[in-house]
């Protein structure tokens, strides 16, 4: 894979093609990298002693929620790509904290458009899914469509408010699940008071 990337890079920059020795060197580094990660696990982005290159960051530090964990779907629109990435990172941390899956089922950069409302309408068949707009306007056509289809659009200008709203959704879902579990347990096992 690295050899092919280097070939493409050299072709694009009009540099001379790879020699056999360079190919062997690249292949050796790739094998060495694979062996290091296989033996010691991914090293969390630390620099390798032999090659002097940084390895890929560790994704093993993030725990995935269980498969049967509740899902809190989100549609997200932000003003810039950097903000979108930061919100995604924060949602991953929140996902680990609350033990729920918080997927961004649709999103992007720019104003909320009617297509976002259509996606929210499709997701609504599986559960509540508002459109989160962070520092972006909502187009009038999208507002009309949201009113007709009863889709909720939540606009935020403060990052912590957006994260707090998602956290509150997770808390409410957890309470609802606990309540439903309690009600089902009452049907099978009566309490001491006889209810």
N, C-alpha and C. Protein backbone atom coordinates (compact mmCIF):
# COMPACT_ATOMS: atom_id res chain seq x y z
N UNK A 1 0.82 -1.18 0.00
CA UNK A 1 0.00 0.00 0.00
C UNK A 1 0.88 1.26 0.00
N UNK A 2 1.93 1.25 0.80
CA UNK A 2 2.82 2.39 0.84
C UNK A 2 3.58 2.55 -0.47
N UNK A 3 3.92 1.42 -1.10
CA UNK A 3 4.65 1.47 -2.37
C UNK A 3 3.78 2.14 -3.43
N UNK A 4 2.52 1.75 -3.49
CA UNK A 4 1.62 2.33 -4.49
C UNK A 4 1.43 3.82 -4.24
N UNK A 5 1.31 4.22 -2.99
CA UNK A 5 1.16 5.63 -2.66
C UNK A 5 2.40 6.42 -3.07
N UNK A 6 3.57 5.85 -2.84
CA UNK A 6 4.82 6.51 -3.22
C UNK A 6 4.94 6.61 -4.74
N UNK A 7 4.52 5.57 -5.45
CA UNK A 7 4.55 5.61 -6.92
C UNK A 7 3.66 6.74 -7.44
N UNK A 8 2.47 6.85 -6.88
CA UNK A 8 1.54 7.89 -7.32
C UNK A 8 2.10 9.27 -7.00
N UNK A 9 2.69 9.41 -5.81
CA UNK A 9 3.27 10.70 -5.42
C UNK A 9 4.38 11.11 -6.37
N UNK A 10 5.26 10.17 -6.68
CA UNK A 10 6.37 10.48 -7.58
C UNK A 10 5.89 10.79 -8.99
N UNK A 11 4.88 10.08 -9.43
CA UNK A 11 4.34 10.35 -10.76
C UNK A 11 3.74 11.75 -10.81
N UNK A 12 3.00 12.12 -9.77
CA UNK A 12 2.35 13.43 -9.73
C UNK A 12 3.37 14.56 -9.68
N UNK A 13 4.47 14.34 -8.96
CA UNK A 13 5.51 15.37 -8.84
C UNK A 13 6.55 15.28 -9.94
N UNK A 14 6.37 14.35 -10.86
CA UNK A 14 7.29 14.12 -11.98
C UNK A 14 8.70 13.82 -11.50
N UNK A 15 8.78 13.01 -10.45
CA UNK A 15 10.07 12.55 -9.94
C UNK A 15 10.39 11.21 -10.60
N UNK A 16 11.66 10.77 -10.53
CA UNK A 16 12.00 9.48 -11.13
C UNK A 16 11.27 8.34 -10.43
N UNK A 17 10.96 7.25 -11.16
CA UNK A 17 10.24 6.13 -10.54
C UNK A 17 11.06 5.44 -9.46
N UNK A 18 10.37 4.65 -8.64
CA UNK A 18 11.02 3.92 -7.55
C UNK A 18 12.00 2.89 -8.10
N UNK A 19 13.12 2.76 -7.40
CA UNK A 19 14.07 1.70 -7.74
C UNK A 19 13.71 0.46 -6.93
N UNK A 20 14.31 -0.67 -7.27
CA UNK A 20 14.05 -1.92 -6.56
C UNK A 20 14.47 -1.79 -5.10
N UNK A 21 15.61 -1.13 -4.84
CA UNK A 21 16.08 -0.96 -3.47
C UNK A 21 15.10 -0.13 -2.64
N UNK A 22 14.56 0.93 -3.24
CA UNK A 22 13.60 1.77 -2.52
C UNK A 22 12.32 0.99 -2.22
N UNK A 23 11.89 0.17 -3.16
CA UNK A 23 10.69 -0.64 -2.93
C UNK A 23 10.92 -1.61 -1.78
N UNK A 24 12.10 -2.26 -1.75
CA UNK A 24 12.41 -3.19 -0.67
C UNK A 24 12.47 -2.47 0.67
N UNK A 25 13.03 -1.26 0.66
CA UNK A 25 13.12 -0.49 1.91
C UNK A 25 11.72 -0.13 2.43
N UNK A 26 10.85 0.30 1.52
CA UNK A 26 9.49 0.66 1.93
C UNK A 26 8.75 -0.58 2.43
N UNK A 27 8.89 -1.68 1.72
CA UNK A 27 8.23 -2.92 2.14
C UNK A 27 8.75 -3.39 3.49
N UNK A 28 10.04 -3.23 3.74
CA UNK A 28 10.63 -3.62 5.02
C UNK A 28 10.08 -2.78 6.16
N UNK A 29 9.94 -1.47 5.93
CA UNK A 29 9.39 -0.59 6.97
C UNK A 29 7.93 -0.95 7.26
N UNK A 30 7.19 -1.29 6.21
CA UNK A 30 5.79 -1.64 6.40
C UNK A 30 5.67 -2.94 7.20
N UNK A 31 6.51 -3.93 6.89
CA UNK A 31 6.50 -5.19 7.63
C UNK A 31 6.90 -4.95 9.08
N UNK A 32 7.93 -4.12 9.28
CA UNK A 32 8.40 -3.81 10.64
C UNK A 32 7.28 -3.14 11.44
N UNK A 33 6.56 -2.22 10.81
CA UNK A 33 5.46 -1.53 11.46
C UNK A 33 4.36 -2.51 11.85
N UNK A 34 4.02 -3.42 10.94
CA UNK A 34 2.99 -4.41 11.24
C UNK A 34 3.42 -5.32 12.38
N UNK A 35 4.67 -5.77 12.37
CA UNK A 35 5.17 -6.65 13.42
C UNK A 35 5.14 -5.96 14.78
N UNK A 36 5.57 -4.69 14.83
CA UNK A 36 5.57 -3.95 16.10
C UNK A 36 4.16 -3.86 16.66
N UNK A 37 3.20 -3.53 15.81
CA UNK A 37 1.82 -3.38 16.27
C UNK A 37 1.19 -4.71 16.62
N UNK A 38 1.58 -5.78 15.95
CA UNK A 38 1.03 -7.09 16.24
C UNK A 38 1.53 -7.57 17.61
N UNK A 39 2.80 -7.33 17.91
CA UNK A 39 3.38 -7.81 19.16
C UNK A 39 3.00 -6.96 20.35
N UNK A 40 3.03 -5.65 20.19
CA UNK A 40 2.82 -4.78 21.34
C UNK A 40 1.49 -4.05 21.32
N UNK A 41 0.66 -4.28 20.35
CA UNK A 41 -0.59 -3.53 20.24
C UNK A 41 -0.27 -2.18 19.65
N UNK A 42 -1.28 -1.44 19.31
CA UNK A 42 -1.05 -0.11 18.75
C UNK A 42 -0.47 0.75 19.84
N UNK A 43 0.57 1.53 19.52
CA UNK A 43 1.34 2.23 20.55
C UNK A 43 0.85 3.63 20.86
N UNK A 44 -0.35 3.98 20.46
CA UNK A 44 -0.94 5.25 20.89
C UNK A 44 -0.33 6.46 20.23
N UNK A 45 0.29 6.31 19.05
CA UNK A 45 0.81 7.47 18.36
C UNK A 45 2.22 7.82 18.76
N UNK A 46 2.92 6.96 19.47
CA UNK A 46 4.29 7.24 19.85
C UNK A 46 5.21 6.98 18.67
N UNK A 47 6.41 7.56 18.71
CA UNK A 47 7.35 7.40 17.62
C UNK A 47 8.06 6.07 17.73
N UNK A 48 8.16 5.38 16.62
CA UNK A 48 8.86 4.10 16.56
C UNK A 48 10.36 4.35 16.64
N UNK A 49 11.10 3.53 17.39
CA UNK A 49 12.53 3.73 17.59
C UNK A 49 13.31 3.50 16.31
N UNK A 50 12.97 2.47 15.53
CA UNK A 50 13.76 2.12 14.35
C UNK A 50 13.47 3.04 13.17
N UNK A 51 12.21 3.29 12.88
CA UNK A 51 11.90 4.05 11.67
C UNK A 51 11.84 5.55 11.91
N UNK A 52 11.61 5.99 13.17
CA UNK A 52 11.53 7.41 13.46
C UNK A 52 10.22 8.04 13.01
N UNK A 53 9.27 7.23 12.56
CA UNK A 53 7.98 7.75 12.11
C UNK A 53 6.95 7.57 13.19
N UNK A 54 5.94 8.43 13.14
CA UNK A 54 4.82 8.27 14.07
C UNK A 54 3.89 7.22 13.51
N UNK A 55 3.43 6.35 14.38
CA UNK A 55 2.46 5.36 13.96
C UNK A 55 1.07 5.96 14.10
N UNK A 56 0.08 5.23 13.65
CA UNK A 56 -1.29 5.73 13.73
C UNK A 56 -1.74 5.79 15.18
N UNK A 57 -2.66 6.72 15.52
CA UNK A 57 -3.12 6.84 16.89
C UNK A 57 -3.92 5.62 17.32
N UNK A 58 -4.00 5.44 18.63
CA UNK A 58 -4.70 4.29 19.18
C UNK A 58 -6.19 4.56 19.25
N UNK A 59 -6.95 3.64 18.70
CA UNK A 59 -8.40 3.73 18.81
C UNK A 59 -8.90 2.75 19.84
N UNK A 60 -7.99 1.97 20.44
CA UNK A 60 -8.40 0.99 21.42
C UNK A 60 -8.75 1.63 22.76
N UNK A 61 -8.37 2.91 22.96
CA UNK A 61 -8.68 3.57 24.23
C UNK A 61 -10.17 3.89 24.34
N UNK A 62 -10.86 4.02 23.21
CA UNK A 62 -12.29 4.27 23.25
C UNK A 62 -13.03 2.94 23.33
N UNK A 63 -13.84 2.81 24.37
CA UNK A 63 -14.63 1.58 24.51
C UNK A 63 -15.93 1.74 23.73
N UNK A 64 -16.27 0.71 23.01
CA UNK A 64 -17.54 0.72 22.29
C UNK A 64 -18.65 0.33 23.25
N UNK A 65 -19.81 0.97 23.13
CA UNK A 65 -20.93 0.57 23.97
C UNK A 65 -21.40 -0.82 23.55
N UNK A 66 -22.09 -1.52 24.44
CA UNK A 66 -22.59 -2.86 24.09
C UNK A 66 -23.53 -2.81 22.90
N UNK A 67 -23.65 -3.94 22.22
CA UNK A 67 -24.50 -4.00 21.02
C UNK A 67 -25.97 -3.71 21.34
N UNK A 68 -26.42 -4.08 22.53
CA UNK A 68 -27.82 -3.85 22.87
C UNK A 68 -28.04 -2.49 23.55
N UNK A 69 -27.05 -1.61 23.48
CA UNK A 69 -27.16 -0.29 24.09
C UNK A 69 -28.18 0.55 23.33
N UNK A 70 -28.87 1.44 24.03
CA UNK A 70 -29.83 2.32 23.35
C UNK A 70 -29.12 3.21 22.33
N UNK A 71 -29.82 3.55 21.28
CA UNK A 71 -29.26 4.38 20.21
C UNK A 71 -29.93 5.75 20.24
N UNK A 72 -29.11 6.80 20.24
CA UNK A 72 -29.59 8.18 20.23
C UNK A 72 -29.13 8.80 18.91
N UNK A 73 -29.92 8.72 17.84
CA UNK A 73 -29.47 9.23 16.54
C UNK A 73 -29.45 10.75 16.49
N UNK A 74 -28.51 11.28 15.70
CA UNK A 74 -28.34 12.72 15.60
C UNK A 74 -28.13 13.10 14.14
N UNK A 75 -28.73 14.20 13.73
CA UNK A 75 -28.42 14.83 12.44
C UNK A 75 -27.76 16.15 12.79
N UNK A 76 -26.56 16.38 12.26
CA UNK A 76 -25.74 17.51 12.69
C UNK A 76 -25.29 18.35 11.51
N UNK A 77 -25.45 19.66 11.62
CA UNK A 77 -24.93 20.61 10.64
C UNK A 77 -24.09 21.63 11.40
N UNK A 78 -22.88 21.91 10.91
CA UNK A 78 -22.00 22.89 11.55
C UNK A 78 -21.50 23.89 10.52
N UNK A 79 -20.79 24.91 11.03
CA UNK A 79 -20.31 25.97 10.15
C UNK A 79 -19.03 25.60 9.41
N UNK A 80 -18.11 24.88 10.06
CA UNK A 80 -16.84 24.50 9.42
C UNK A 80 -16.52 23.05 9.75
N UNK A 81 -15.63 22.46 8.96
CA UNK A 81 -15.26 21.05 9.13
C UNK A 81 -14.59 20.83 10.49
N UNK A 82 -13.77 21.76 10.93
CA UNK A 82 -13.09 21.61 12.22
C UNK A 82 -14.08 21.50 13.36
N UNK A 83 -15.10 22.30 13.33
CA UNK A 83 -16.14 22.24 14.36
C UNK A 83 -16.86 20.91 14.31
N UNK A 84 -17.14 20.44 13.10
CA UNK A 84 -17.81 19.14 12.93
C UNK A 84 -16.98 18.04 13.57
N UNK A 85 -15.67 18.05 13.34
CA UNK A 85 -14.78 17.04 13.91
C UNK A 85 -14.74 17.12 15.43
N UNK A 86 -14.70 18.34 15.97
CA UNK A 86 -14.67 18.50 17.42
C UNK A 86 -15.96 17.98 18.05
N UNK A 87 -17.09 18.28 17.42
CA UNK A 87 -18.37 17.79 17.95
C UNK A 87 -18.41 16.26 17.90
N UNK A 88 -17.91 15.66 16.81
CA UNK A 88 -17.87 14.20 16.71
C UNK A 88 -17.01 13.61 17.82
N UNK A 89 -15.84 14.22 18.08
CA UNK A 89 -14.97 13.73 19.15
C UNK A 89 -15.67 13.81 20.50
N UNK A 90 -16.35 14.91 20.74
CA UNK A 90 -17.05 15.08 22.01
C UNK A 90 -18.21 14.10 22.14
N UNK A 91 -18.88 13.81 21.04
CA UNK A 91 -19.96 12.83 21.07
C UNK A 91 -19.43 11.43 21.36
N UNK A 92 -18.23 11.11 20.86
CA UNK A 92 -17.62 9.81 21.18
C UNK A 92 -17.32 9.70 22.67
N UNK A 93 -16.82 10.79 23.26
CA UNK A 93 -16.56 10.78 24.71
C UNK A 93 -17.87 10.63 25.48
N UNK A 94 -18.89 11.35 25.06
CA UNK A 94 -20.19 11.27 25.72
C UNK A 94 -20.78 9.87 25.57
N UNK A 95 -20.60 9.28 24.41
CA UNK A 95 -21.08 7.92 24.16
C UNK A 95 -20.47 6.94 25.15
N UNK A 96 -19.18 7.08 25.40
CA UNK A 96 -18.51 6.20 26.36
C UNK A 96 -18.99 6.50 27.78
N UNK A 97 -19.21 7.76 28.08
CA UNK A 97 -19.63 8.17 29.42
C UNK A 97 -21.00 7.64 29.79
N UNK A 98 -21.96 7.72 28.87
CA UNK A 98 -23.33 7.32 29.18
C UNK A 98 -23.65 5.89 28.80
N UNK A 99 -22.76 5.23 28.06
CA UNK A 99 -22.99 3.83 27.69
C UNK A 99 -24.07 3.65 26.65
N UNK A 100 -24.23 4.62 25.78
CA UNK A 100 -25.21 4.55 24.70
C UNK A 100 -24.51 4.82 23.38
N UNK A 101 -25.14 4.37 22.30
CA UNK A 101 -24.61 4.67 20.98
C UNK A 101 -25.21 5.99 20.52
N UNK A 102 -24.35 6.92 20.07
CA UNK A 102 -24.80 8.22 19.59
C UNK A 102 -24.27 8.41 18.16
N UNK A 103 -24.91 7.79 17.18
CA UNK A 103 -24.41 7.94 15.81
C UNK A 103 -24.92 9.23 15.15
N UNK A 104 -24.05 9.84 14.35
CA UNK A 104 -24.48 10.95 13.51
C UNK A 104 -24.94 10.31 12.21
N UNK A 105 -26.25 10.17 12.06
CA UNK A 105 -26.80 9.45 10.91
C UNK A 105 -26.76 10.27 9.63
N UNK A 106 -26.66 11.59 9.77
CA UNK A 106 -26.55 12.46 8.61
C UNK A 106 -25.96 13.77 9.11
N UNK A 107 -25.17 14.42 8.31
CA UNK A 107 -24.61 15.67 8.75
C UNK A 107 -23.78 16.31 7.66
N UNK A 108 -23.22 17.45 8.00
CA UNK A 108 -22.38 18.14 7.05
C UNK A 108 -22.10 19.56 7.48
N UNK A 109 -21.51 20.29 6.54
CA UNK A 109 -21.13 21.67 6.78
C UNK A 109 -22.05 22.56 5.94
N UNK A 110 -22.55 23.60 6.56
CA UNK A 110 -23.42 24.53 5.85
C UNK A 110 -24.80 24.60 6.48
N UNK A 111 -25.68 25.40 5.89
CA UNK A 111 -27.00 25.61 6.48
C UNK A 111 -27.86 24.34 6.44
N UNK A 112 -28.87 24.33 7.29
CA UNK A 112 -29.82 23.22 7.30
C UNK A 112 -30.69 23.35 6.05
N UNK A 113 -30.75 22.27 5.27
CA UNK A 113 -31.48 22.28 4.01
C UNK A 113 -32.62 21.27 4.08
N UNK A 114 -33.56 21.32 3.14
CA UNK A 114 -34.69 20.38 3.18
C UNK A 114 -34.28 18.91 3.20
N UNK A 115 -33.16 18.58 2.58
CA UNK A 115 -32.70 17.18 2.58
C UNK A 115 -32.44 16.69 4.02
N UNK A 116 -31.94 17.57 4.88
CA UNK A 116 -31.72 17.19 6.28
C UNK A 116 -33.05 16.84 6.96
N UNK A 117 -34.09 17.56 6.62
CA UNK A 117 -35.41 17.30 7.20
C UNK A 117 -35.93 15.96 6.70
N UNK A 118 -35.68 15.65 5.44
CA UNK A 118 -36.10 14.35 4.90
C UNK A 118 -35.39 13.22 5.64
N UNK A 119 -34.09 13.38 5.89
CA UNK A 119 -33.35 12.37 6.65
C UNK A 119 -33.92 12.22 8.06
N UNK A 120 -34.26 13.33 8.69
CA UNK A 120 -34.84 13.27 10.04
C UNK A 120 -36.19 12.57 10.02
N UNK A 121 -36.96 12.80 8.95
CA UNK A 121 -38.26 12.15 8.83
C UNK A 121 -38.11 10.64 8.70
N UNK A 122 -37.11 10.21 7.94
CA UNK A 122 -36.85 8.77 7.80
C UNK A 122 -36.41 8.19 9.14
N UNK A 123 -35.53 8.88 9.84
CA UNK A 123 -35.05 8.40 11.14
C UNK A 123 -36.15 8.38 12.18
N UNK A 124 -37.14 9.24 12.03
CA UNK A 124 -38.23 9.30 13.01
C UNK A 124 -39.01 7.99 13.06
N UNK A 125 -38.99 7.22 11.98
CA UNK A 125 -39.67 5.93 12.02
C UNK A 125 -39.00 4.99 13.01
N UNK A 126 -37.73 5.25 13.34
CA UNK A 126 -37.00 4.43 14.32
C UNK A 126 -36.95 5.07 15.70
N UNK A 127 -37.30 6.33 15.81
CA UNK A 127 -37.26 7.04 17.08
C UNK A 127 -37.05 8.52 16.87
N UNK A 128 -37.01 9.26 17.96
CA UNK A 128 -36.86 10.71 17.93
C UNK A 128 -35.48 11.09 17.37
N UNK A 129 -35.44 11.97 16.38
CA UNK A 129 -34.17 12.38 15.77
C UNK A 129 -34.26 13.84 15.34
N UNK A 130 -33.86 14.78 16.20
CA UNK A 130 -33.90 16.18 15.81
C UNK A 130 -32.71 16.54 14.91
N UNK A 131 -32.78 17.71 14.30
CA UNK A 131 -31.67 18.23 13.51
C UNK A 131 -30.96 19.26 14.37
N UNK A 132 -29.67 19.05 14.63
CA UNK A 132 -28.87 19.99 15.41
C UNK A 132 -28.13 20.92 14.45
N UNK A 133 -28.36 22.21 14.59
CA UNK A 133 -27.69 23.22 13.76
C UNK A 133 -26.77 24.02 14.66
N UNK A 134 -25.46 23.90 14.43
CA UNK A 134 -24.49 24.60 15.27
C UNK A 134 -23.85 25.73 14.48
N UNK A 135 -24.19 26.96 14.83
CA UNK A 135 -23.68 28.18 14.21
C UNK A 135 -23.98 28.26 12.71
N UNK A 136 -25.10 27.69 12.31
CA UNK A 136 -25.50 27.77 10.90
C UNK A 136 -26.95 28.21 10.80
N UNK A 137 -27.32 28.86 9.71
CA UNK A 137 -28.73 29.24 9.53
C UNK A 137 -29.56 28.05 9.06
N UNK A 138 -30.86 28.22 9.14
CA UNK A 138 -31.80 27.22 8.64
C UNK A 138 -32.53 27.85 7.45
N UNK A 139 -32.44 27.22 6.30
CA UNK A 139 -33.09 27.77 5.11
C UNK A 139 -34.61 27.78 5.28
N UNK A 140 -35.29 28.79 4.72
CA UNK A 140 -36.76 28.88 4.86
C UNK A 140 -37.49 27.63 4.36
N UNK A 141 -37.02 27.04 3.27
CA UNK A 141 -37.66 25.82 2.76
C UNK A 141 -37.56 24.70 3.79
N UNK A 142 -36.42 24.63 4.48
CA UNK A 142 -36.24 23.59 5.50
C UNK A 142 -37.18 23.84 6.68
N UNK A 143 -37.37 25.11 7.05
CA UNK A 143 -38.28 25.44 8.15
C UNK A 143 -39.70 25.03 7.79
N UNK A 144 -40.13 25.33 6.56
CA UNK A 144 -41.48 24.95 6.12
C UNK A 144 -41.67 23.44 6.17
N UNK A 145 -40.68 22.73 5.64
CA UNK A 145 -40.80 21.27 5.61
C UNK A 145 -40.78 20.70 7.03
N UNK A 146 -39.98 21.30 7.92
CA UNK A 146 -39.94 20.83 9.30
C UNK A 146 -41.28 21.05 10.00
N UNK A 147 -41.92 22.18 9.73
CA UNK A 147 -43.24 22.44 10.33
C UNK A 147 -44.29 21.47 9.82
N UNK A 148 -44.25 21.17 8.54
CA UNK A 148 -45.23 20.25 7.96
C UNK A 148 -45.05 18.84 8.50
N UNK A 149 -43.80 18.41 8.66
CA UNK A 149 -43.52 17.03 9.08
C UNK A 149 -43.28 16.90 10.58
N UNK A 150 -43.38 17.99 11.32
CA UNK A 150 -43.19 18.00 12.79
C UNK A 150 -41.80 17.52 13.20
N UNK A 151 -40.79 17.96 12.47
CA UNK A 151 -39.40 17.65 12.82
C UNK A 151 -38.85 18.81 13.64
N UNK A 152 -38.11 18.49 14.69
CA UNK A 152 -37.55 19.51 15.57
C UNK A 152 -36.16 19.91 15.06
N UNK A 153 -35.96 21.22 14.92
CA UNK A 153 -34.64 21.76 14.56
C UNK A 153 -34.14 22.51 15.78
N UNK A 154 -32.98 22.13 16.28
CA UNK A 154 -32.41 22.79 17.45
C UNK A 154 -31.17 23.56 17.02
N UNK A 155 -31.20 24.89 17.19
CA UNK A 155 -30.07 25.74 16.82
C UNK A 155 -29.27 26.08 18.06
N UNK A 156 -27.95 26.01 17.92
CA UNK A 156 -27.05 26.33 19.03
C UNK A 156 -25.93 27.22 18.52
N UNK A 157 -25.52 28.16 19.36
CA UNK A 157 -24.35 28.99 19.07
C UNK A 157 -23.24 28.73 20.07
N UNK A 158 -23.54 28.00 21.13
CA UNK A 158 -22.54 27.67 22.16
C UNK A 158 -22.34 26.16 22.16
N UNK A 159 -21.08 25.76 22.04
CA UNK A 159 -20.72 24.35 21.93
C UNK A 159 -21.21 23.53 23.12
N UNK A 160 -21.01 24.05 24.32
CA UNK A 160 -21.38 23.29 25.52
C UNK A 160 -22.89 23.11 25.63
N UNK A 161 -23.67 24.05 25.09
CA UNK A 161 -25.12 23.90 25.11
C UNK A 161 -25.56 22.73 24.24
N UNK A 162 -24.93 22.57 23.08
CA UNK A 162 -25.25 21.46 22.20
C UNK A 162 -24.95 20.13 22.88
N UNK A 163 -23.76 20.02 23.46
CA UNK A 163 -23.37 18.77 24.13
C UNK A 163 -24.28 18.51 25.32
N UNK A 164 -24.64 19.56 26.06
CA UNK A 164 -25.53 19.39 27.21
C UNK A 164 -26.90 18.90 26.78
N UNK A 165 -27.39 19.38 25.64
CA UNK A 165 -28.69 18.93 25.15
C UNK A 165 -28.65 17.44 24.80
N UNK A 166 -27.57 17.00 24.16
CA UNK A 166 -27.44 15.57 23.83
C UNK A 166 -27.34 14.76 25.11
N UNK A 167 -26.60 15.28 26.10
CA UNK A 167 -26.47 14.58 27.39
C UNK A 167 -27.83 14.44 28.06
N UNK A 168 -28.65 15.50 28.01
CA UNK A 168 -29.99 15.44 28.59
C UNK A 168 -30.87 14.43 27.87
N UNK A 169 -30.74 14.36 26.54
CA UNK A 169 -31.48 13.33 25.79
C UNK A 169 -31.10 11.94 26.27
N UNK A 170 -29.80 11.72 26.46
CA UNK A 170 -29.34 10.41 26.92
C UNK A 170 -29.89 10.10 28.31
N UNK A 171 -29.88 11.10 29.19
CA UNK A 171 -30.41 10.92 30.54
C UNK A 171 -31.90 10.59 30.50
N UNK A 172 -32.65 11.30 29.67
CA UNK A 172 -34.09 11.04 29.56
C UNK A 172 -34.38 9.65 29.01
N UNK A 173 -33.60 9.22 28.04
CA UNK A 173 -33.79 7.88 27.48
C UNK A 173 -33.48 6.84 28.54
N UNK A 174 -32.42 7.06 29.31
CA UNK A 174 -32.05 6.12 30.38
C UNK A 174 -33.16 6.03 31.41
N UNK A 175 -33.73 7.18 31.81
CA UNK A 175 -34.84 7.18 32.78
C UNK A 175 -36.05 6.42 32.23
N UNK A 176 -36.36 6.65 30.97
CA UNK A 176 -37.49 5.98 30.35
C UNK A 176 -37.27 4.47 30.30
N UNK A 177 -36.07 4.05 29.95
CA UNK A 177 -35.77 2.61 29.91
C UNK A 177 -35.85 1.99 31.30
N UNK A 178 -35.31 2.71 32.30
CA UNK A 178 -35.38 2.21 33.67
C UNK A 178 -36.83 2.10 34.14
N UNK A 179 -37.63 3.11 33.81
CA UNK A 179 -39.05 3.09 34.19
C UNK A 179 -39.77 1.92 33.53
N UNK A 180 -39.52 1.72 32.24
CA UNK A 180 -40.16 0.60 31.53
C UNK A 180 -39.74 -0.74 32.11
N UNK A 181 -38.47 -0.86 32.47
CA UNK A 181 -37.98 -2.09 33.08
C UNK A 181 -38.67 -2.33 34.42
N UNK A 182 -38.84 -1.26 35.20
CA UNK A 182 -39.50 -1.36 36.50
C UNK A 182 -40.96 -1.78 36.33
N UNK A 183 -41.66 -1.18 35.37
CA UNK A 183 -43.07 -1.52 35.14
C UNK A 183 -43.19 -2.98 34.71
N UNK A 184 -42.30 -3.43 33.83
CA UNK A 184 -42.35 -4.84 33.41
C UNK A 184 -42.06 -5.77 34.57
N UNK A 185 -41.16 -5.36 35.47
CA UNK A 185 -40.85 -6.22 36.62
C UNK A 185 -42.04 -6.30 37.57
N UNK A 186 -42.83 -5.24 37.68
CA UNK A 186 -44.02 -5.27 38.54
C UNK A 186 -45.06 -6.25 38.01
N UNK A 187 -45.11 -6.39 36.71
CA UNK A 187 -46.09 -7.31 36.12
C UNK A 187 -45.73 -8.77 36.41
N UNK A 188 -44.45 -9.05 36.53
CA UNK A 188 -44.03 -10.44 36.77
C UNK A 188 -43.79 -10.74 38.24
N UNK A 189 -43.31 -9.73 39.00
CA UNK A 189 -43.01 -9.94 40.42
C UNK A 189 -43.69 -8.85 41.23
N UNK A 190 -44.72 -9.17 42.00
CA UNK A 190 -45.40 -8.15 42.80
C UNK A 190 -44.49 -7.64 43.92
N UNK A 191 -44.74 -6.41 44.33
CA UNK A 191 -43.96 -5.82 45.42
C UNK A 191 -44.51 -6.30 46.76
N UNK A 192 -43.85 -5.91 47.86
CA UNK A 192 -44.28 -6.30 49.20
C UNK A 192 -45.66 -5.73 49.53
N UNK A 193 -45.97 -4.57 48.97
CA UNK A 193 -47.26 -3.96 49.26
C UNK A 193 -48.40 -4.62 48.49
N UNK A 194 -48.07 -5.51 47.58
CA UNK A 194 -49.10 -6.25 46.87
C UNK A 194 -49.54 -5.61 45.57
N UNK A 195 -48.90 -4.54 45.16
CA UNK A 195 -49.29 -3.89 43.90
C UNK A 195 -48.86 -4.69 42.70
